[in-house]
Amino acid sequence: MNQDKIERFKAILKKWNPIGTAEHSIPDLNDYETEVDDIIFNLEIDCDFPEKSITQKQLSKIIKEVLNQAFDLHLTNSECDVPSEEILKILKE
């Protein structure tokens, strides 16, 4: 995955900001870099990406699982649909 796409993924998560005001109390947040790395890792392992195409539903689930685990959130798949749609567009470029 090239650095430009990673930066764009980070920008999507930062704009969405699922952790809200808690963002300021997480010293090592680093614009969601670790979480983007985890999302990419899961895409490669769980979905055999880029060899196989990924669906928006699969991506929503991965985003939900990564963010819920990282920040003790309770996001649903549907709450992750908008960022997953945006990220999927970048993946398909």
N, C-alpha and C. Protein backbone atom coordinates (compact mmCIF):
# COMPACT_ATOMS: atom_id res chain seq x y z
N MET A 1 0.86 -1.17 0.00
CA MET A 1 0.00 0.00 0.00
C MET A 1 0.90 1.23 0.00
N ASN A 2 0.64 2.14 -0.92
CA ASN A 2 1.51 3.30 -0.99
C ASN A 2 1.15 4.35 0.07
N GLN A 3 2.10 5.19 0.39
CA GLN A 3 1.96 6.16 1.48
C GLN A 3 0.84 7.16 1.22
N ASP A 4 0.62 7.53 -0.03
CA ASP A 4 -0.44 8.47 -0.36
C ASP A 4 -1.81 7.92 0.04
N LYS A 5 -2.05 6.65 -0.25
CA LYS A 5 -3.33 6.03 0.13
C LYS A 5 -3.47 5.95 1.64
N ILE A 6 -2.38 5.61 2.31
CA ILE A 6 -2.41 5.54 3.77
C ILE A 6 -2.76 6.91 4.37
N GLU A 7 -2.16 7.97 3.84
CA GLU A 7 -2.46 9.31 4.32
C GLU A 7 -3.93 9.68 4.07
N ARG A 8 -4.45 9.26 2.95
CA ARG A 8 -5.85 9.54 2.64
C ARG A 8 -6.79 8.75 3.56
N PHE A 9 -6.43 7.51 3.89
CA PHE A 9 -7.22 6.72 4.85
C PHE A 9 -7.23 7.41 6.21
N LYS A 10 -6.05 7.85 6.63
CA LYS A 10 -5.95 8.55 7.92
C LYS A 10 -6.83 9.80 7.93
N ALA A 11 -6.82 10.52 6.83
CA ALA A 11 -7.63 11.74 6.74
C ALA A 11 -9.12 11.42 6.86
N ILE A 12 -9.54 10.32 6.28
CA ILE A 12 -10.95 9.91 6.37
C ILE A 12 -11.32 9.61 7.82
N LEU A 13 -10.49 8.85 8.50
CA LEU A 13 -10.78 8.52 9.90
C LEU A 13 -10.71 9.76 10.79
N LYS A 14 -9.75 10.63 10.52
CA LYS A 14 -9.64 11.85 11.33
C LYS A 14 -10.87 12.75 11.14
N LYS A 15 -11.33 12.87 9.90
CA LYS A 15 -12.52 13.68 9.63
C LYS A 15 -13.74 13.07 10.30
N TRP A 16 -13.89 11.76 10.20
CA TRP A 16 -15.02 11.06 10.82
C TRP A 16 -14.92 11.13 12.34
N ASN A 17 -13.74 10.93 12.88
CA ASN A 17 -13.43 11.03 14.30
C ASN A 17 -14.42 10.27 15.20
N PRO A 18 -14.43 8.94 15.11
CA PRO A 18 -15.38 8.16 15.89
C PRO A 18 -15.17 8.21 17.40
N ILE A 19 -14.00 8.69 17.83
CA ILE A 19 -13.76 8.76 19.27
C ILE A 19 -14.15 10.12 19.86
N GLY A 20 -14.55 11.04 19.01
CA GLY A 20 -15.04 12.33 19.47
C GLY A 20 -14.02 13.11 20.28
N THR A 21 -14.48 13.71 21.37
CA THR A 21 -13.61 14.57 22.17
C THR A 21 -12.51 13.80 22.89
N ALA A 22 -12.64 12.49 22.98
CA ALA A 22 -11.58 11.67 23.60
C ALA A 22 -10.30 11.73 22.79
N GLU A 23 -10.40 12.22 21.57
CA GLU A 23 -9.24 12.36 20.69
C GLU A 23 -8.10 13.12 21.39
N HIS A 24 -8.46 14.11 22.17
CA HIS A 24 -7.46 14.96 22.82
C HIS A 24 -6.80 14.28 24.02
N SER A 25 -7.40 13.21 24.52
CA SER A 25 -6.84 12.54 25.69
C SER A 25 -6.03 11.30 25.33
N ILE A 26 -5.84 11.04 24.04
CA ILE A 26 -5.07 9.88 23.59
C ILE A 26 -3.74 10.40 23.04
N PRO A 27 -2.68 10.31 23.84
CA PRO A 27 -1.42 10.93 23.44
C PRO A 27 -0.76 10.30 22.21
N ASP A 28 -0.99 9.02 21.96
CA ASP A 28 -0.33 8.36 20.84
C ASP A 28 -1.27 8.10 19.66
N LEU A 29 -2.30 8.91 19.52
CA LEU A 29 -3.28 8.71 18.45
C LEU A 29 -2.62 8.84 17.07
N ASN A 30 -1.79 9.84 16.88
CA ASN A 30 -1.03 10.00 15.64
C ASN A 30 -1.91 9.95 14.39
N ASP A 31 -3.02 10.67 14.44
CA ASP A 31 -3.95 10.75 13.29
C ASP A 31 -4.41 9.39 12.80
N TYR A 32 -4.64 8.46 13.72
CA TYR A 32 -5.17 7.12 13.40
C TYR A 32 -4.20 6.25 12.60
N GLU A 33 -2.92 6.56 12.65
CA GLU A 33 -1.94 5.79 11.85
C GLU A 33 -1.92 4.31 12.24
N THR A 34 -1.89 4.01 13.51
CA THR A 34 -1.86 2.62 13.97
C THR A 34 -3.11 1.89 13.52
N GLU A 35 -4.25 2.55 13.62
CA GLU A 35 -5.51 1.92 13.24
C GLU A 35 -5.58 1.67 11.74
N VAL A 36 -5.07 2.61 10.96
CA VAL A 36 -5.02 2.40 9.50
C VAL A 36 -4.12 1.22 9.19
N ASP A 37 -2.98 1.13 9.86
CA ASP A 37 -2.10 -0.03 9.66
C ASP A 37 -2.83 -1.33 9.99
N ASP A 38 -3.59 -1.33 11.08
CA ASP A 38 -4.34 -2.52 11.48
C ASP A 38 -5.44 -2.86 10.46
N ILE A 39 -6.09 -1.85 9.93
CA ILE A 39 -7.13 -2.07 8.92
C ILE A 39 -6.50 -2.71 7.68
N ILE A 40 -5.38 -2.17 7.23
CA ILE A 40 -4.69 -2.71 6.06
C ILE A 40 -4.23 -4.14 6.33
N PHE A 41 -3.68 -4.38 7.50
CA PHE A 41 -3.25 -5.74 7.87
C PHE A 41 -4.42 -6.71 7.79
N ASN A 42 -5.56 -6.31 8.35
CA ASN A 42 -6.74 -7.18 8.31
C ASN A 42 -7.25 -7.39 6.89
N LEU A 43 -7.18 -6.38 6.07
CA LEU A 43 -7.56 -6.55 4.66
C LEU A 43 -6.70 -7.62 4.00
N GLU A 44 -5.41 -7.54 4.25
CA GLU A 44 -4.48 -8.48 3.63
C GLU A 44 -4.66 -9.90 4.17
N ILE A 45 -4.90 -10.04 5.45
CA ILE A 45 -5.02 -11.37 6.07
C ILE A 45 -6.43 -11.94 5.89
N ASP A 46 -7.45 -11.20 6.30
CA ASP A 46 -8.82 -11.71 6.31
C ASP A 46 -9.42 -11.81 4.91
N CYS A 47 -9.06 -10.89 4.06
CA CYS A 47 -9.74 -10.80 2.76
C CYS A 47 -8.82 -11.10 1.58
N ASP A 48 -7.57 -11.47 1.84
CA ASP A 48 -6.61 -11.78 0.78
C ASP A 48 -6.52 -10.64 -0.23
N PHE A 49 -6.53 -9.41 0.30
CA PHE A 49 -6.43 -8.21 -0.54
C PHE A 49 -4.96 -7.98 -0.86
N PRO A 50 -4.55 -7.61 -2.03
CA PRO A 50 -5.30 -7.13 -3.18
C PRO A 50 -5.68 -8.21 -4.20
N GLU A 51 -5.32 -9.46 -3.95
CA GLU A 51 -5.64 -10.50 -4.92
C GLU A 51 -7.14 -10.64 -5.14
N LYS A 52 -7.89 -10.56 -4.07
CA LYS A 52 -9.35 -10.65 -4.17
C LYS A 52 -9.95 -9.28 -3.88
N SER A 53 -11.06 -8.99 -4.51
CA SER A 53 -11.69 -7.69 -4.25
C SER A 53 -12.42 -7.73 -2.91
N ILE A 54 -12.49 -6.59 -2.31
CA ILE A 54 -13.13 -6.45 -1.00
C ILE A 54 -14.47 -5.78 -1.17
N THR A 55 -15.43 -6.16 -0.38
CA THR A 55 -16.74 -5.52 -0.43
C THR A 55 -16.81 -4.44 0.65
N GLN A 56 -17.74 -3.55 0.46
CA GLN A 56 -17.95 -2.48 1.44
C GLN A 56 -18.37 -3.08 2.78
N LYS A 57 -19.16 -4.13 2.73
CA LYS A 57 -19.61 -4.79 3.96
C LYS A 57 -18.43 -5.37 4.74
N GLN A 58 -17.50 -6.03 4.03
CA GLN A 58 -16.31 -6.57 4.69
C GLN A 58 -15.46 -5.46 5.29
N LEU A 59 -15.30 -4.39 4.55
CA LEU A 59 -14.48 -3.27 5.03
C LEU A 59 -15.12 -2.60 6.24
N SER A 60 -16.43 -2.43 6.24
CA SER A 60 -17.12 -1.86 7.41
C SER A 60 -16.87 -2.70 8.64
N LYS A 61 -16.93 -4.02 8.47
CA LYS A 61 -16.72 -4.92 9.60
C LYS A 61 -15.29 -4.80 10.13
N ILE A 62 -14.32 -4.74 9.24
CA ILE A 62 -12.93 -4.60 9.67
C ILE A 62 -12.71 -3.29 10.41
N ILE A 63 -13.22 -2.20 9.84
CA ILE A 63 -13.08 -0.89 10.50
C ILE A 63 -13.72 -0.92 11.88
N LYS A 64 -14.90 -1.48 11.97
CA LYS A 64 -15.60 -1.58 13.26
C LYS A 64 -14.76 -2.35 14.26
N GLU A 65 -14.27 -3.51 13.86
CA GLU A 65 -13.51 -4.35 14.79
C GLU A 65 -12.22 -3.69 15.24
N VAL A 66 -11.50 -3.07 14.32
CA VAL A 66 -10.24 -2.41 14.67
C VAL A 66 -10.48 -1.25 15.63
N LEU A 67 -11.44 -0.39 15.31
CA LEU A 67 -11.68 0.79 16.15
C LEU A 67 -12.30 0.42 17.50
N ASN A 68 -13.21 -0.54 17.50
CA ASN A 68 -13.79 -0.97 18.78
C ASN A 68 -12.72 -1.53 19.70
N GLN A 69 -11.83 -2.32 19.14
CA GLN A 69 -10.78 -2.91 19.97
C GLN A 69 -9.77 -1.84 20.42
N ALA A 70 -9.40 -0.95 19.53
CA ALA A 70 -8.39 0.05 19.86
C ALA A 70 -8.86 1.06 20.90
N PHE A 71 -10.13 1.43 20.83
CA PHE A 71 -10.62 2.53 21.68
C PHE A 71 -11.77 2.14 22.60
N ASP A 72 -12.03 0.85 22.72
CA ASP A 72 -13.13 0.36 23.56
C ASP A 72 -14.45 1.04 23.18
N LEU A 73 -14.71 1.11 21.88
CA LEU A 73 -15.96 1.68 21.37
C LEU A 73 -16.98 0.57 21.16
N HIS A 74 -18.15 0.96 20.76
CA HIS A 74 -19.22 -0.01 20.48
C HIS A 74 -19.87 0.34 19.14
N LEU A 75 -19.03 0.56 18.14
CA LEU A 75 -19.54 0.91 16.81
C LEU A 75 -20.22 -0.30 16.18
N THR A 76 -21.17 -0.03 15.32
CA THR A 76 -21.81 -1.08 14.54
C THR A 76 -21.27 -1.03 13.12
N ASN A 77 -21.54 -2.09 12.37
CA ASN A 77 -21.11 -2.10 10.97
C ASN A 77 -21.69 -0.89 10.23
N SER A 78 -22.96 -0.61 10.45
CA SER A 78 -23.61 0.48 9.71
C SER A 78 -23.02 1.84 10.07
N GLU A 79 -22.55 2.01 11.29
CA GLU A 79 -21.90 3.27 11.66
C GLU A 79 -20.57 3.45 10.93
N CYS A 80 -20.02 2.38 10.42
CA CYS A 80 -18.74 2.43 9.71
C CYS A 80 -18.92 2.44 8.19
N ASP A 81 -20.16 2.50 7.73
CA ASP A 81 -20.43 2.45 6.29
C ASP A 81 -19.87 3.65 5.53
N VAL A 82 -20.03 4.86 6.04
CA VAL A 82 -19.58 6.04 5.31
C VAL A 82 -18.06 6.04 5.13
N PRO A 83 -17.27 5.87 6.21
CA PRO A 83 -15.83 5.83 5.99
C PRO A 83 -15.40 4.64 5.14
N SER A 84 -16.07 3.52 5.29
CA SER A 84 -15.68 2.35 4.49
C SER A 84 -15.95 2.59 3.01
N GLU A 85 -17.02 3.28 2.69
CA GLU A 85 -17.30 3.62 1.28
C GLU A 85 -16.21 4.52 0.71
N GLU A 86 -15.79 5.49 1.50
CA GLU A 86 -14.74 6.42 1.05
C GLU A 86 -13.40 5.70 0.88
N ILE A 87 -13.07 4.83 1.82
CA ILE A 87 -11.82 4.08 1.74
C ILE A 87 -11.86 3.10 0.58
N LEU A 88 -13.00 2.47 0.37
CA LEU A 88 -13.13 1.51 -0.73
C LEU A 88 -12.89 2.19 -2.09
N LYS A 89 -13.35 3.41 -2.24
CA LYS A 89 -13.10 4.14 -3.48
C LYS A 89 -11.60 4.30 -3.72
N ILE A 90 -10.87 4.60 -2.67
CA ILE A 90 -9.42 4.77 -2.79
C ILE A 90 -8.76 3.42 -3.10
N LEU A 91 -9.22 2.36 -2.47
CA LEU A 91 -8.65 1.04 -2.73
C LEU A 91 -8.83 0.62 -4.18
N LYS A 92 -9.90 1.06 -4.80
CA LYS A 92 -10.20 0.66 -6.18
C LYS A 92 -9.48 1.51 -7.23
N GLU A 93 -8.76 2.51 -6.80
CA GLU A 93 -8.03 3.37 -7.75
C GLU A 93 -6.87 2.62 -8.37
